[in-house]
Structures are given as structure tokens and as C-alpha cells.
């Protein structure tokens, strides 16, 4: 039987994709904020163009208000992503290569030295548009090789799975795993 393995490098590119996939599959509030900002930006630009075309000043305050709110929302979303990326860059495993294997229907992170798991999956696997989020509960005891002392997720891009297989085949291989639909 072939071992199903996932090889990742926990670098900037991985974490940018992690964030994008998390927003797409589990961040309905952030998606809603972005949609509101886009609508406000369109309304502001449209009203501004209409106001300018008619040489009027009736909608100037509304135009400026819509544009300022849109810019504020976009800036807040960018700050939030920047803070998260800054936090993950400070983690000790940032930049490290990670190997995860499927053992008896579950995902186990294998150390490069060939031993103990560094996290234990405790929650569902949540599919995202291009991969999966593996929920785990951090362990406070450092000797247990916990990634974090808090609950979190690891993002696995589907393209990182070897041998290549369909999403359905991968989820079937994880027979002991609860799969949760994203929002």
C-alpha cells in the first residue's frame, strides 16, 4: 500500500494561501465586510461621477462618506491580515518543512527525524476551495510536541498530496475523520 504524504513549507507563500483559503471557506464575516466595502466603493464612485457629470453638489457628502467607509473597511481587513502574518512569521516553525502522512485513516505530522507527531487532529477536516483545514487542539505540555497551546488549524493545499489523487479519494482515505462543510 502506498503511503499518502503531504509535504509543506510553512513560509510566506503558504500562509498567504492559508489566509485566502480561510477567508473563502470559513470567514463569512470577512467576506461580508469585503462585499460591503466593494458596494460602498462602487456607490461612492458612481455618485461622484453622477455629481460631477451634472455639475451638482447635492451628493458630495454621501459620496465622500461612502468612499471613506469603503477605504476604512479595506484598511481594516489589510491590517488584520498583516497582524496575522506578522504573528505566524514569529512562530518557531515558520519556514520549516513539514511532512504529514495518513496512518490508519488519520493525519499524523511526522518529524523530519522520524518520530513523534507535533499536533493531534481533534476536530473535523474542513474542505476549502483548494485544500483542507485540519483542526487540532493545542497541548499545553511542550513535551507533547504541540504546535500551539490553543486550538487552531493547519492548512493543507490539495496539490501537496502525493501520490496525486482526487479530493474524493483523499477524503475517503481519511475514513476515520469527520469532514465538516465550510461556510
Protein backbone atom coordinates (compact mmCIF):
# COMPACT_ATOMS: atom_id res chain seq x y z
CA UNK A 1 0.00 0.00 0.00
CA UNK A 2 1.32 3.43 -0.94
CA UNK A 3 1.72 5.95 1.86
CA UNK A 4 -0.25 9.12 1.31
CA UNK A 5 2.01 12.02 2.24
CA UNK A 6 1.75 15.79 2.30
CA UNK A 7 4.89 17.93 2.11
CA UNK A 8 4.61 21.61 3.05
CA UNK A 9 6.93 24.51 3.73
CA UNK A 10 5.45 26.88 6.33
CA UNK A 11 6.63 30.03 4.54
CA UNK A 12 5.05 33.32 3.43
CA UNK A 13 3.54 31.83 0.28
CA UNK A 14 1.89 29.04 2.28
CA UNK A 15 0.48 31.46 4.86
CA UNK A 16 -0.83 33.90 2.25
CA UNK A 17 -2.69 30.99 0.63
CA UNK A 18 -3.80 29.79 4.09
CA UNK A 19 -5.35 33.20 4.78
CA UNK A 20 -7.03 33.42 1.36
CA UNK A 21 -8.47 29.90 1.72
CA UNK A 22 -9.60 30.54 5.30
CA UNK A 23 -11.47 33.68 4.26
CA UNK A 24 -13.03 31.81 1.31
CA UNK A 25 -14.23 28.84 3.36
CA UNK A 26 -14.55 29.88 7.00
CA UNK A 27 -14.56 33.66 7.18
CA UNK A 28 -18.12 34.68 6.30
CA UNK A 29 -17.80 37.88 8.34
CA UNK A 30 -14.68 38.94 6.47
CA UNK A 31 -16.26 38.07 3.11
CA UNK A 32 -19.32 40.14 4.06
CA UNK A 33 -17.17 43.09 5.08
CA UNK A 34 -15.31 42.94 1.79
CA UNK A 35 -18.57 42.81 -0.18
CA UNK A 36 -19.92 45.81 1.73
CA UNK A 37 -16.72 47.73 1.02
CA UNK A 38 -16.93 46.90 -2.69
CA UNK A 39 -20.56 48.06 -2.84
CA UNK A 40 -19.74 51.28 -0.96
CA UNK A 41 -16.79 51.92 -3.25
CA UNK A 42 -18.99 51.41 -6.33
CA UNK A 43 -21.74 53.62 -4.89
CA UNK A 44 -19.21 56.31 -3.98
CA UNK A 45 -17.59 56.29 -7.41
CA UNK A 46 -20.99 56.18 -9.16
CA UNK A 47 -22.44 59.03 -7.13
CA UNK A 48 -19.25 61.03 -7.54
CA UNK A 49 -19.34 60.56 -11.32
CA UNK A 50 -23.04 61.45 -11.44
CA UNK A 51 -22.47 64.51 -9.25
CA UNK A 52 -19.55 65.61 -11.44
CA UNK A 53 -21.46 64.98 -14.70
CA UNK A 54 -24.42 67.08 -13.57
CA UNK A 55 -22.24 69.87 -12.12
CA UNK A 56 -24.13 69.39 -8.89
CA UNK A 57 -23.00 69.25 -5.30
CA UNK A 58 -26.06 67.52 -3.88
CA UNK A 59 -24.39 64.14 -3.32
CA UNK A 60 -20.89 65.23 -2.31
CA UNK A 61 -21.29 64.37 1.37
CA UNK A 62 -22.84 60.96 0.56
CA UNK A 63 -20.11 60.25 -1.99
CA UNK A 64 -17.30 61.13 0.42
CA UNK A 65 -18.93 59.18 3.25
CA UNK A 66 -19.31 56.03 1.12
CA UNK A 67 -15.70 56.26 -0.09
CA UNK A 68 -14.28 56.89 3.40
CA UNK A 69 -16.17 53.93 4.87
CA UNK A 70 -15.04 51.67 1.99
CA UNK A 71 -11.40 52.70 2.45
CA UNK A 72 -11.70 52.18 6.22
CA UNK A 73 -13.07 48.63 5.75
CA UNK A 74 -10.38 47.72 3.20
CA UNK A 75 -7.68 49.12 5.52
CA UNK A 76 -9.08 47.18 8.49
CA UNK A 77 -9.06 43.92 6.52
CA UNK A 78 -5.49 44.57 5.34
CA UNK A 79 -4.34 45.39 8.91
CA UNK A 80 -5.95 42.23 10.24
CA UNK A 81 -4.18 40.07 7.61
CA UNK A 82 -0.87 41.87 8.22
CA UNK A 83 -1.12 41.29 12.01
CA UNK A 84 -1.88 37.59 11.48
CA UNK A 85 1.03 37.19 9.04
CA UNK A 86 3.36 39.01 11.47
CA UNK A 87 2.27 36.61 14.22
CA UNK A 88 2.87 33.45 12.16
CA UNK A 89 6.27 34.74 10.99
CA UNK A 90 7.32 34.88 14.65
CA UNK A 91 6.45 31.22 15.30
CA UNK A 92 9.39 28.86 15.76
CA UNK A 93 8.32 26.58 12.89
CA UNK A 94 7.96 29.39 10.34
CA UNK A 95 9.94 28.40 7.25
CA UNK A 96 10.17 24.76 8.32
CA UNK A 97 9.38 21.82 6.07
CA UNK A 98 6.50 19.70 7.37
CA UNK A 99 5.58 16.14 6.43
CA UNK A 100 2.12 14.80 7.19
CA UNK A 101 1.14 11.19 6.46
CA UNK A 102 -2.12 9.27 6.50
CA UNK A 103 -1.91 6.47 9.08
CA UNK A 104 -4.94 4.25 9.66
CA UNK A 105 -7.29 6.88 8.27
CA UNK A 106 -5.93 9.79 10.28
CA UNK A 107 -3.41 12.55 9.59
CA UNK A 108 -0.19 12.44 11.56
CA UNK A 109 2.55 15.04 11.36
CA UNK A 110 5.90 13.31 11.20
CA UNK A 111 9.07 14.98 12.39
CA UNK A 112 11.95 15.04 9.95
CA UNK A 113 13.89 12.98 12.49
CA UNK A 114 11.22 10.34 12.03
CA UNK A 115 9.20 10.30 15.17
CA UNK A 116 6.54 11.88 17.19
CA UNK A 117 3.53 13.80 15.96
CA UNK A 118 3.71 17.52 16.67
CA UNK A 119 -0.05 18.02 16.60
CA UNK A 120 -3.03 15.80 17.09
CA UNK A 121 -6.11 16.28 14.97
CA UNK A 122 -9.04 16.76 17.31
CA UNK A 123 -11.62 18.39 15.08
CA UNK A 124 -13.10 17.97 11.67
CA UNK A 125 -11.34 18.44 8.38
CA UNK A 126 -12.89 21.42 6.63
CA UNK A 127 -12.54 21.45 2.84
CA UNK A 128 -11.69 24.80 1.25
CA UNK A 129 -11.69 25.69 -2.45
CA UNK A 130 -8.11 24.44 -2.99
CA UNK A 131 -7.31 22.33 0.06
CA UNK A 132 -8.30 21.39 3.60
CA UNK A 133 -8.11 22.78 7.11
CA UNK A 134 -7.18 20.25 9.77
CA UNK A 135 -8.45 21.38 13.15
CA UNK A 136 -6.37 20.47 16.16
CA UNK A 137 -6.33 21.22 19.84
CA UNK A 138 -3.03 22.53 21.10
CA UNK A 139 -1.42 20.87 24.05
CA UNK A 140 0.00 22.95 26.88
CA UNK A 141 2.66 20.35 27.62
CA UNK A 142 5.65 21.12 25.35
CA UNK A 143 6.84 17.53 25.62
CA UNK A 144 3.80 16.54 23.56
CA UNK A 145 5.25 18.49 20.59
CA UNK A 146 2.20 20.70 20.30
CA UNK A 147 2.22 23.27 17.54
CA UNK A 148 0.28 25.65 19.73
CA UNK A 149 -1.22 25.77 23.20
CA UNK A 150 -4.53 26.86 21.69
CA UNK A 151 -7.00 25.39 19.23
CA UNK A 152 -6.04 26.15 15.65
CA UNK A 153 -5.92 24.78 12.11
CA UNK A 154 -3.26 23.61 9.70
CA UNK A 155 -3.88 24.32 6.02
CA UNK A 156 -3.12 21.54 3.55
CA UNK A 157 -3.20 22.51 -0.14
CA UNK A 158 -4.63 19.64 -2.21
CA UNK A 159 -1.75 19.92 -4.73
CA UNK A 160 0.71 18.97 -1.94
CA UNK A 161 -0.77 15.46 -1.60
CA UNK A 162 1.30 12.60 -3.04
CA UNK A 163 0.53 10.44 -4.84
CA UNK A 164 -1.83 12.77 -6.74
CA UNK A 165 -5.48 11.85 -6.21
CA UNK A 166 -8.95 13.34 -6.39
CA UNK A 167 -10.43 15.22 -3.46
CA UNK A 168 -12.98 12.43 -3.01
CA UNK A 169 -10.24 9.76 -2.91
CA UNK A 170 -8.28 11.75 -0.31
CA UNK A 171 -11.32 12.23 1.92
CA UNK A 172 -12.17 8.53 1.52
CA UNK A 173 -8.63 7.65 2.67
CA UNK A 174 -9.39 9.61 5.82
CA UNK A 175 -12.16 7.22 6.76
CA UNK A 176 -11.82 7.87 10.49
CA UNK A 177 -12.08 11.62 10.05
CA UNK A 178 -15.14 13.81 10.36
CA UNK A 179 -15.46 16.12 7.37
CA UNK A 180 -17.21 19.40 8.05
CA UNK A 181 -18.63 21.61 5.34
CA UNK A 182 -17.18 25.14 5.23
CA UNK A 183 -19.43 28.18 5.48
